[in-house]
PDB file of N, CA and C in Angstrom:
ATOM      1  N   MET A   1      74.204  79.628 117.720  1.00  0.00           N
ATOM      2  CA  MET A   1      73.659  78.123 117.254  1.00  0.00           C
ATOM      3  C   MET A   1      73.197  77.923 115.823  1.00  0.00           C
ATOM      4  N   GLU A   2      73.874  76.827 115.401  1.00  0.00           N
ATOM      5  CA  GLU A   2      74.195  76.356 114.227  1.00  0.00           C
ATOM      6  C   GLU A   2      72.348  76.477 113.778  1.00  0.00           C
ATOM      7  N   ARG A   3      71.907  76.872 112.446  1.00  0.00           N
ATOM      8  CA  ARG A   3      70.861  76.325 112.074  1.00  0.00           C
ATOM      9  C   ARG A   3      71.003  75.028 110.810  1.00  0.00           C
ATOM     10  N   ILE A   4      69.677  74.319 110.555  1.00  0.00           N
ATOM     11  CA  ILE A   4      69.099  73.252 110.047  1.00  0.00           C
ATOM     12  C   ILE A   4      67.845  73.927 108.697  1.00  0.00           C
ATOM     13  N   PHE A   5      68.785  73.798 107.719  1.00  0.00           N
ATOM     14  CA  PHE A   5      67.835  74.215 106.474  1.00  0.00           C
ATOM     15  C   PHE A   5      66.798  73.228 105.859  1.00  0.00           C
ATOM     16  N   TYR A   6      65.474  73.315 105.894  1.00  0.00           N
ATOM     17  CA  TYR A   6      64.949  72.423 105.355  1.00  0.00           C
ATOM     18  C   TYR A   6      64.006  73.365 104.101  1.00  0.00           C
ATOM     19  N   VAL A   7      64.015  72.129 103.198  1.00  0.00           N
ATOM     20  CA  VAL A   7      62.708  72.346 101.988  1.00  0.00           C
ATOM     21  C   VAL A   7      61.742  71.141 101.732  1.00  0.00           C
ATOM     22  N   LEU A   8      60.317  72.152 102.250  1.00  0.00           N
ATOM     23  CA  LEU A   8      59.106  71.206 102.417  1.00  0.00           C
ATOM     24  C   LEU A   8      58.431  71.376 101.168  1.00  0.00           C
ATOM     25  N   PHE A   9      57.930  70.186 100.852  1.00  0.00           N
ATOM     26  CA  PHE A   9      57.061  69.724 100.167  1.00  0.00           C
ATOM     27  C   PHE A   9      55.554  69.780 100.454  1.00  0.00           C
ATOM     28  N   ASN A  10      54.893  69.605  99.252  1.00  0.00           N
ATOM     29  CA  ASN A  10      53.179  69.079  99.075  1.00  0.00           C
ATOM     30  C   ASN A  10      53.782  67.551  99.435  1.00  0.00           C
ATOM     31  N   ASN A  11      54.252  66.775  98.399  1.00  0.00           N
ATOM     32  CA  ASN A  11      53.886  65.314  98.404  1.00  0.00           C
ATOM     33  C   ASN A  11      55.642  65.049  98.348  1.00  0.00           C
ATOM     34  N   HIS A  12      55.743  63.828  98.709  1.00  0.00           N
ATOM     35  CA  HIS A  12      57.339  62.878  98.724  1.00  0.00           C
ATOM     36  C   HIS A  12      57.504  63.514  97.040  1.00  0.00           C
ATOM     37  N   GLU A  13      56.785  62.791  96.140  1.00  0.00           N
ATOM     38  CA  GLU A  13      57.556  62.677  94.808  1.00  0.00           C
ATOM     39  C   GLU A  13      58.321  64.056  94.732  1.00  0.00           C
ATOM     40  N   ASN A  14      58.091  65.311  95.442  1.00  0.00           N
ATOM     41  CA  ASN A  14      58.583  66.226  94.669  1.00  0.00           C
ATOM     42  C   ASN A  14      60.166  66.391  95.552  1.00  0.00           C
ATOM     43  N   GLY A  15      59.989  65.850  96.676  1.00  0.00           N
ATOM     44  CA  GLY A  15      60.655  65.590  97.355  1.00  0.00           C
ATOM     45  C   GLY A  15      62.529  64.541  97.105  1.00  0.00           C
ATOM     46  N   LEU A  16      61.282  63.390  96.037  1.00  0.00           N
ATOM     47  CA  LEU A  16      62.294  62.486  96.047  1.00  0.00           C
ATOM     48  C   LEU A  16      63.101  63.466  94.534  1.00  0.00           C
ATOM     49  N   LYS A  17      62.195  63.878  93.948  1.00  0.00           N
ATOM     50  CA  LYS A  17      62.552  64.373  92.738  1.00  0.00           C
ATOM     51  C   LYS A  17      63.955  65.131  92.862  1.00  0.00           C
ATOM     52  N   LEU A  18      63.667  66.119  93.411  1.00  0.00           N
ATOM     53  CA  LEU A  18      64.787  67.150  94.297  1.00  0.00           C
ATOM     54  C   LEU A  18      65.914  67.121  94.869  1.00  0.00           C
ATOM     55  N   ASN A  19      66.147  65.690  95.634  1.00  0.00           N
ATOM     56  CA  ASN A  19      66.769  64.846  95.913  1.00  0.00           C
ATOM     57  C   ASN A  19      67.764  64.340  95.084  1.00  0.00           C
ATOM     58  N   SER A  20      67.423  63.682  93.808  1.00  0.00           N
ATOM     59  CA  SER A  20      68.024  63.157  92.700  1.00  0.00           C
ATOM     60  C   SER A  20      68.664  64.264  91.800  1.00  0.00           C
ATOM     61  N   LYS A  21      68.209  65.339  91.433  1.00  0.00           N
ATOM     62  CA  LYS A  21      68.610  66.454  90.735  1.00  0.00           C
ATOM     63  C   LYS A  21      69.600  66.879  91.430  1.00  0.00           C
ATOM     64  N   LEU A  22      69.625  67.132  92.888  1.00  0.00           N
ATOM     65  CA  LEU A  22      71.001  68.011  94.007  1.00  0.00           C
ATOM     66  C   LEU A  22      71.817  67.108  93.563  1.00  0.00           C
ATOM     67  N   LYS A  23      71.731  65.766  93.748  1.00  0.00           N
ATOM     68  CA  LYS A  23      72.651  65.131  94.014  1.00  0.00           C
ATOM     69  C   LYS A  23      73.713  64.737  92.377  1.00  0.00           C
ATOM     70  N   GLU A  24      73.081  64.825  91.455  1.00  0.00           N
ATOM     71  CA  GLU A  24      73.353  64.479  89.945  1.00  0.00           C
ATOM     72  C   GLU A  24      74.354  65.631  89.936  1.00  0.00           C
ATOM     73  N   LYS A  25      73.620  67.046  90.659  1.00  0.00           N
ATOM     74  CA  LYS A  25      74.516  68.410  90.538  1.00  0.00           C
ATOM     75  C   LYS A  25      75.840  68.382  91.366  1.00  0.00           C
ATOM     76  N   GLY A  26      75.963  67.538  92.007  1.00  0.00           N
ATOM     77  CA  GLY A  26      76.803  67.681  93.177  1.00  0.00           C
ATOM     78  C   GLY A  26      76.601  68.237  94.324  1.00  0.00           C
ATOM     79  N   LEU A  27      75.146  68.643  94.996  1.00  0.00           N
ATOM     80  CA  LEU A  27      75.147  69.559  95.929  1.00  0.00           C
ATOM     81  C   LEU A  27      74.598  68.659  96.895  1.00  0.00           C
ATOM     82  N   SER A  28      74.844  68.709  98.504  1.00  0.00           N
ATOM     83  CA  SER A  28      74.502  67.835  99.364  1.00  0.00           C
ATOM     84  C   SER A  28      73.243  67.942  99.588  1.00  0.00           C
ATOM     85  N   SER A  29      72.201  66.831  99.930  1.00  0.00           N
ATOM     86  CA  SER A  29      70.932  67.110 100.589  1.00  0.00           C
ATOM     87  C   SER A  29      70.344  65.844 101.226  1.00  0.00           C
ATOM     88  N   MET A  30      70.207  65.458 102.171  1.00  0.00           N
ATOM     89  CA  MET A  30      69.688  64.399 102.900  1.00  0.00           C
ATOM     90  C   MET A  30      67.670  64.689 102.927  1.00  0.00           C
ATOM     91  N   ILE A  31      67.413  63.481 102.921  1.00  0.00           N
ATOM     92  CA  ILE A  31      65.919  63.245 103.454  1.00  0.00           C
ATOM     93  C   ILE A  31      65.603  63.301 104.603  1.00  0.00           C
ATOM     94  N   SER A  32      64.686  63.500 105.460  1.00  0.00           N
ATOM     95  CA  SER A  32      64.884  63.515 106.449  1.00  0.00           C
ATOM     96  C   SER A  32      63.194  63.895 106.944  1.00  0.00           C
ATOM     97  N   PRO A  33      62.882  63.196 108.108  1.00  0.00           N
ATOM     98  CA  PRO A  33      61.205  63.538 108.608  1.00  0.00           C
ATOM     99  C   PRO A  33      61.040  65.181 108.594  1.00  0.00           C
ATOM    100  N   THR A  34      59.593  65.777 108.708  1.00  0.00           N
ATOM    101  CA  THR A  34      60.067  66.915 108.366  1.00  0.00           C
ATOM    102  C   THR A  34      59.267  67.154 109.750  1.00  0.00           C
ATOM    103  N   PRO A  35      59.864  68.179 110.347  1.00  0.00           N
ATOM    104  CA  PRO A  35      59.867  68.565 111.677  1.00  0.00           C
ATOM    105  C   PRO A  35      58.268  69.578 111.732  1.00  0.00           C
ATOM    106  N   ARG A  36      57.920  68.937 112.956  1.00  0.00           N
ATOM    107  CA  ARG A  36      56.002  69.608 112.987  1.00  0.00           C
ATOM    108  C   ARG A  36      55.962  71.078 113.156  1.00  0.00           C
ATOM    109  N   SER A  37      57.411  71.698 113.992  1.00  0.00           N
ATOM    110  CA  SER A  37      57.448  72.895 113.828  1.00  0.00           C
ATOM    111  C   SER A  37      57.356  73.570 112.781  1.00  0.00           C
ATOM    112  N   LEU A  38      57.831  72.973 111.728  1.00  0.00           N
ATOM    113  CA  LEU A  38      58.059  73.716 110.341  1.00  0.00           C
ATOM    114  C   LEU A  38      56.344  73.462 109.460  1.00  0.00           C
ATOM    115  N   SER A  39      55.925  72.650 109.679  1.00  0.00           N
ATOM    116  CA  SER A  39      55.007  71.960 108.846  1.00  0.00           C
ATOM    117  C   SER A  39      54.146  70.884 109.396  1.00  0.00           C
ATOM    118  N   LYS A  40      53.114  70.682 108.813  1.00  0.00           N
ATOM    119  CA  LYS A  40      52.215  69.490 109.225  1.00  0.00           C
ATOM    120  C   LYS A  40      51.859  69.004 107.922  1.00  0.00           C
ATOM    121  N   CYS A  41      52.881  69.052 106.962  1.00  0.00           N
ATOM    122  CA  CYS A  41      52.093  68.676 105.304  1.00  0.00           C
ATOM    123  C   CYS A  41      52.688  67.382 105.271  1.00  0.00           C
ATOM    124  N   CYS A  42      53.249  67.357 104.006  1.00  0.00           N
ATOM    125  CA  CYS A  42      54.387  65.769 103.560  1.00  0.00           C
ATOM    126  C   CYS A  42      54.980  65.645 104.871  1.00  0.00           C
ATOM    127  N   GLY A  43      55.010  64.032 104.729  1.00  0.00           N
ATOM    128  CA  GLY A  43      55.942  64.005 105.826  1.00  0.00           C
ATOM    129  C   GLY A  43      57.397  63.768 105.596  1.00  0.00           C
ATOM    130  N   ILE A  44      58.105  64.085 104.376  1.00  0.00           N
ATOM    131  CA  ILE A  44      59.115  63.970 104.321  1.00  0.00           C
ATOM    132  C   ILE A  44      59.694  65.640 103.694  1.00  0.00           C
ATOM    133  N   SER A  45      60.959  65.685 104.391  1.00  0.00           N
ATOM    134  CA  SER A  45      61.692  67.229 103.332  1.00  0.00           C
ATOM    135  C   SER A  45      63.075  67.164 102.860  1.00  0.00           C
ATOM    136  N   LEU A  46      63.961  67.843 102.633  1.00  0.00           N
ATOM    137  CA  LEU A  46      64.931  67.789 102.740  1.00  0.00           C
ATOM    138  C   LEU A  46      65.906  68.631 103.162  1.00  0.00           C
ATOM    139  N   ILE A  47      67.156  68.352 103.712  1.00  0.00           N
ATOM    140  CA  ILE A  47      68.136  69.078 104.396  1.00  0.00           C
ATOM    141  C   ILE A  47      68.704  69.343 103.616  1.00  0.00           C
ATOM    142  N   VAL A  48      69.303  70.777 103.336  1.00  0.00           N
ATOM    143  CA  VAL A  48      70.570  71.143 102.516  1.00  0.00           C
ATOM    144  C   VAL A  48      71.233  72.060 103.416  1.00  0.00           C
ATOM    145  N   ASP A  49      72.442  72.101 102.525  1.00  0.00           N
ATOM    146  CA  ASP A  49      73.692  72.793 103.038  1.00  0.00           C
ATOM    147  C   ASP A  49      73.090  74.542 103.096  1.00  0.00           C
ATOM    148  N   GLU A  50      73.475  75.016 104.076  1.00  0.00           N
ATOM    149  CA  GLU A  50      73.271  76.422 103.968  1.00  0.00           C
ATOM    150  C   GLU A  50      73.940  77.339 102.783  1.00  0.00           C
ATOM    151  N   ASN A  51      75.085  76.933 102.696  1.00  0.00           N
ATOM    152  CA  ASN A  51      76.132  77.582 101.707  1.00  0.00           C
ATOM    153  C   ASN A  51      75.322  77.255 100.381  1.00  0.00           C
ATOM    154  N   GLU A  52      74.644  76.369  99.963  1.00  0.00           N
ATOM    155  CA  GLU A  52      74.181  75.823  98.651  1.00  0.00           C
ATOM    156  C   GLU A  52      72.713  76.617  98.269  1.00  0.00           C
ATOM    157  N   LEU A  53      72.258  76.994  99.523  1.00  0.00           N
ATOM    158  CA  LEU A  53      70.897  77.646  99.353  1.00  0.00           C
ATOM    159  C   LEU A  53      70.384  78.358  97.885  1.00  0.00           C
ATOM    160  N   ASP A  54      71.179  78.841  96.971  1.00  0.00           N
ATOM    161  CA  ASP A  54      70.855  79.664  95.655  1.00  0.00           C
ATOM    162  C   ASP A  54      71.154  78.795  95.211  1.00  0.00           C
ATOM    163  N   GLU A  55      72.173  77.575  95.195  1.00  0.00           N
ATOM    164  CA  GLU A  55      72.125  76.345  93.915  1.00  0.00           C
ATOM    165  C   GLU A  55      70.698  75.570  93.920  1.00  0.00           C
ATOM    166  N   VAL A  56      70.368  75.559  95.111  1.00  0.00           N
ATOM    167  CA  VAL A  56      69.554  74.823  95.266  1.00  0.00           C
ATOM    168  C   VAL A  56      68.133  75.476  94.827  1.00  0.00           C
ATOM    169  N   ARG A  57      67.825  76.122  94.835  1.00  0.00           N
ATOM    170  CA  ARG A  57      66.853  77.323  94.254  1.00  0.00           C
ATOM    171  C   ARG A  57      66.873  77.344  93.006  1.00  0.00           C
ATOM    172  N   LYS A  58      68.356  77.235  92.596  1.00  0.00           N
ATOM    173  CA  LYS A  58      68.225  77.005  90.900  1.00  0.00           C
ATOM    174  C   LYS A  58      67.938  75.900  90.567  1.00  0.00           C
ATOM    175  N   VAL A  59      68.295  74.705  90.912  1.00  0.00           N
ATOM    176  CA  VAL A  59      67.638  73.476  90.615  1.00  0.00           C
ATOM    177  C   VAL A  59      66.325  73.457  90.449  1.00  0.00           C
ATOM    178  N   VAL A  60      65.661  74.109  91.924  1.00  0.00           N
ATOM    179  CA  VAL A  60      64.112  74.113  91.956  1.00  0.00           C
ATOM    180  C   VAL A  60      63.537  74.510  90.715  1.00  0.00           C
ATOM    181  N   GLU A  61      64.079  75.726  90.283  1.00  0.00           N
ATOM    182  CA  GLU A  61      63.768  76.726  89.256  1.00  0.00           C
ATOM    183  C   GLU A  61      63.940  75.873  88.090  1.00  0.00           C
ATOM    184  N   GLU A  62      64.660  75.637  87.789  1.00  0.00           N
ATOM    185  CA  GLU A  62      65.311  74.692  86.122  1.00  0.00           C
ATOM    186  C   GLU A  62      64.441  73.746  85.992  1.00  0.00           C
ATOM    187  N   ASN A  63      63.828  72.727  87.104  1.00  0.00           N
ATOM    188  CA  ASN A  63      63.432  71.542  87.123  1.00  0.00           C
ATOM    189  C   ASN A  63      61.694  71.633  87.332  1.00  0.00           C
ATOM    190  N   ASP A  64      61.253  72.819  87.510  1.00  0.00           N
ATOM    191  CA  ASP A  64      60.041  73.195  87.460  1.00  0.00           C
ATOM    192  C   ASP A  64      59.573  72.000  88.736  1.00  0.00           C
ATOM    193  N   ILE A  65      60.086  72.036  90.143  1.00  0.00           N
ATOM    194  CA  ILE A  65      59.517  70.873  91.250  1.00  0.00           C
ATOM    195  C   ILE A  65      58.828  72.269  92.375  1.00  0.00           C
ATOM    196  N   GLU A  66      57.805  71.808  92.634  1.00  0.00           N
ATOM    197  CA  GLU A  66      56.731  72.488  93.183  1.00  0.00           C
ATOM    198  C   GLU A  66      57.538  72.331  94.525  1.00  0.00           C
ATOM    199  N   ILE A  67      58.232  73.156  95.390  1.00  0.00           N
ATOM    200  CA  ILE A  67      58.060  72.923  96.962  1.00  0.00           C
ATOM    201  C   ILE A  67      57.055  74.159  97.711  1.00  0.00           C
ATOM    202  N   ILE A  68      56.901  73.909  98.744  1.00  0.00           N
ATOM    203  CA  ILE A  68      56.292  74.960  99.500  1.00  0.00           C
ATOM    204  C   ILE A  68      57.216  75.854 100.150  1.00  0.00           C
ATOM    205  N   THR A  69      58.593  75.513 100.590  1.00  0.00           N
ATOM    206  CA  THR A  69      59.492  77.126 100.839  1.00  0.00           C
ATOM    207  C   THR A  69      60.421  76.046 101.667  1.00  0.00           C
ATOM    208  N   ILE A  70      61.497  77.424 102.161  1.00  0.00           N
ATOM    209  CA  ILE A  70      62.728  76.458 102.575  1.00  0.00           C
ATOM    210  C   ILE A  70      62.793  77.493 103.600  1.00  0.00           C
ATOM    211  N   GLU A  71      63.023  76.575 104.933  1.00  0.00           N
ATOM    212  CA  GLU A  71      62.705  76.966 106.380  1.00  0.00           C
ATOM    213  C   GLU A  71      63.967  76.563 107.067  1.00  0.00           C
ATOM    214  N   SER A  72      64.234  77.268 108.294  1.00  0.00           N
ATOM    215  CA  SER A  72      65.381  76.769 108.910  1.00  0.00           C
ATOM    216  C   SER A  72      64.898  76.545 110.127  1.00  0.00           C
ATOM    217  N   ILE A  73      65.676  76.254 111.151  1.00  0.00           N
ATOM    218  CA  ILE A  73      65.187  75.922 112.542  1.00  0.00           C
ATOM    219  C   ILE A  73      66.690  75.731 113.230  1.00  0.00           C
ATOM    220  N   GLN A  74      66.627  76.221 114.548  1.00  0.00           N
ATOM    221  CA  GLN A  74      67.767  75.652 115.322  1.00  0.00           C
ATOM    222  C   GLN A  74      67.883  74.363 115.115  1.00  0.00           C
ATOM    223  N   LYS A  75      69.206  73.755 115.111  1.00  0.00           N
ATOM    224  CA  LYS A  75      69.962  72.554 115.403  1.00  0.00           C
ATOM    225  C   LYS A  75      69.657  72.259 117.185  1.00  0.00           C
ATOM    226  N   ASP A  76      69.036  71.256 116.873  1.00  0.00           N
ATOM    227  CA  ASP A  76      68.856  70.509 118.527  1.00  0.00           C
ATOM    228  C   ASP A  76      68.821  69.027 118.133  1.00  0.00           C
ATOM    229  N   VAL A  77      69.832  68.978 118.395  1.00  0.00           N
ATOM    230  CA  VAL A  77      69.607  67.314 117.358  1.00  0.00           C
ATOM    231  C   VAL A  77      70.656  66.186 119.051  1.00  0.00           C
ATOM    232  N   ASN A  78      69.818  65.423 119.308  1.00  0.00           N
ATOM    233  CA  ASN A  78      70.535  64.617 120.705  1.00  0.00           C
ATOM    234  C   ASN A  78      71.027  63.304 119.805  1.00  0.00           C
ATOM    235  N   PRO A  79      72.311  63.125 119.732  1.00  0.00           N
ATOM    236  CA  PRO A  79      73.180  62.588 118.979  1.00  0.00           C
ATOM    237  C   PRO A  79      72.688  60.757 120.001  1.00  0.00           C
ATOM    238  N   ASN A  80      72.482  60.803 120.742  1.00  0.00           N
ATOM    239  CA  ASN A  80      72.078  59.640 121.458  1.00  0.00           C
ATOM    240  C   ASN A  80      70.420  58.623 121.006  1.00  0.00           C
ATOM    241  N   ARG A  81      69.917  59.985 120.505  1.00  0.00           N
ATOM    242  CA  ARG A  81      68.611  59.697 119.965  1.00  0.00           C
ATOM    243  C   ARG A  81      67.865  59.702 118.503  1.00  0.00           C
ATOM    244  N   ASP A  82      68.813  60.859 118.063  1.00  0.00           N
ATOM    245  CA  ASP A  82      68.077  60.978 116.572  1.00  0.00           C
ATOM    246  C   ASP A  82      68.898  60.703 115.504  1.00  0.00           C
ATOM    247  N   ARG A  83      68.368  59.464 114.793  1.00  0.00           N
ATOM    248  CA  ARG A  83      69.289  59.055 113.341  1.00  0.00           C
ATOM    249  C   ARG A  83      68.770  59.123 112.442  1.00  0.00           C
ATOM    250  N   TYR A  84      69.605  59.852 111.525  1.00  0.00           N
ATOM    251  CA  TYR A  84      68.918  59.773 110.061  1.00  0.00           C
ATOM    252  C   TYR A  84      70.115  59.190 109.356  1.00  0.00           C
ATOM    253  N   CYS A  85      69.387  58.480 107.795  1.00  0.00           N
ATOM    254  CA  CYS A  85      70.266  58.169 106.963  1.00  0.00           C
ATOM    255  C   CYS A  85      70.936  58.403 106.707  1.00  0.00           C
TER     256      CYS A  85
END
Protein backbone atom coordinates (compact mmCIF):
# COMPACT_ATOMS: atom_id res chain seq x y z
CA MET A 1 0.00 0.00 0.00
CA GLU A 2 1.16 3.52 -0.77
CA ARG A 3 2.64 5.62 2.06
CA ILE A 4 2.26 9.35 2.70
CA PHE A 5 5.24 11.24 4.14
CA TYR A 6 4.64 14.06 6.64
CA VAL A 7 7.09 16.64 7.97
CA LEU A 8 6.11 17.42 11.59
CA PHE A 9 6.74 20.74 13.36
CA ASN A 10 6.59 22.29 16.83
CA ASN A 11 4.95 25.42 15.41
CA HIS A 12 3.16 26.52 12.26
CA GLU A 13 5.73 29.22 11.40
CA ASN A 14 8.36 26.59 10.64
CA GLY A 15 5.83 24.68 8.55
CA LEU A 16 4.97 27.73 6.48
CA LYS A 17 8.65 28.66 6.08
CA LEU A 18 9.60 25.18 4.88
CA ASN A 19 6.64 25.08 2.50
CA SER A 20 7.79 28.37 0.96
CA LYS A 21 11.44 27.23 0.65
CA LEU A 22 10.42 23.92 -0.95
CA LYS A 23 8.26 25.74 -3.51
CA GLU A 24 11.20 28.05 -4.32
CA LYS A 25 13.33 24.96 -5.06
CA GLY A 26 10.60 23.42 -7.24
CA LEU A 27 9.88 20.62 -4.76
CA SER A 28 6.37 19.44 -4.04
CA SER A 29 4.74 19.98 -0.66
CA MET A 30 1.21 20.36 0.59
CA ILE A 31 0.05 21.84 3.89
CA SER A 32 -2.07 19.33 5.75
CA PRO A 33 -3.56 18.77 9.19
CA THR A 34 -1.20 16.68 11.29
CA PRO A 35 -2.52 13.13 11.62
CA ARG A 36 -3.12 12.48 15.33
CA SER A 37 -1.65 9.01 14.88
CA LEU A 38 1.73 10.72 14.23
CA SER A 39 1.75 13.62 16.66
CA LYS A 40 -0.34 15.76 18.95
CA CYS A 41 1.92 18.79 18.47
CA CYS A 42 1.44 21.61 15.98
CA GLY A 43 -1.77 21.35 13.98
CA ILE A 44 -0.12 21.56 10.56
CA SER A 45 2.34 19.36 8.77
CA LEU A 46 3.64 19.13 5.22
CA ILE A 47 3.02 16.22 2.92
CA VAL A 48 6.12 15.68 0.78
CA ASP A 49 7.01 13.34 -2.06
CA GLU A 50 8.87 10.20 -1.01
CA ASN A 51 11.22 10.61 -3.98
CA GLU A 52 12.22 14.10 -2.78
CA LEU A 53 13.01 13.25 0.86
CA ASP A 54 16.76 13.82 0.50
CA GLU A 55 16.15 17.24 -1.08
CA VAL A 56 13.62 18.13 1.63
CA ARG A 57 16.14 17.27 4.35
CA LYS A 58 18.76 19.38 2.56
CA VAL A 59 16.42 22.41 2.44
CA VAL A 60 15.66 21.95 6.16
CA GLU A 61 19.36 21.88 6.96
CA GLU A 62 20.38 24.75 4.66
CA ASN A 63 17.69 27.05 6.06
CA ASP A 64 18.02 25.99 9.71
CA ILE A 65 14.32 25.12 9.95
CA GLU A 66 13.36 23.25 13.10
CA ILE A 67 11.34 20.11 12.46
CA ILE A 68 10.36 17.30 14.80
CA THR A 69 10.77 14.51 12.27
CA ILE A 70 9.60 13.10 8.96
CA GLU A 71 7.16 10.22 9.38
CA SER A 72 5.03 8.13 7.08
CA ILE A 73 1.68 6.40 7.35
CA GLN A 74 -0.25 4.20 4.97
CA LYS A 75 -2.41 6.14 2.57
CA ASP A 76 -6.00 5.75 3.69
CA VAL A 77 -7.84 8.65 2.10
CA ASN A 78 -11.53 8.39 1.39
CA PRO A 79 -12.01 10.65 -1.67
CA ASN A 80 -15.64 11.20 -0.68
CA ARG A 81 -14.67 12.55 2.74
CA ASP A 82 -11.16 14.03 2.78
CA ARG A 83 -10.37 17.24 0.89
CA TYR A 84 -7.05 19.06 1.06
CA CYS A 85 -5.91 22.44 -0.26
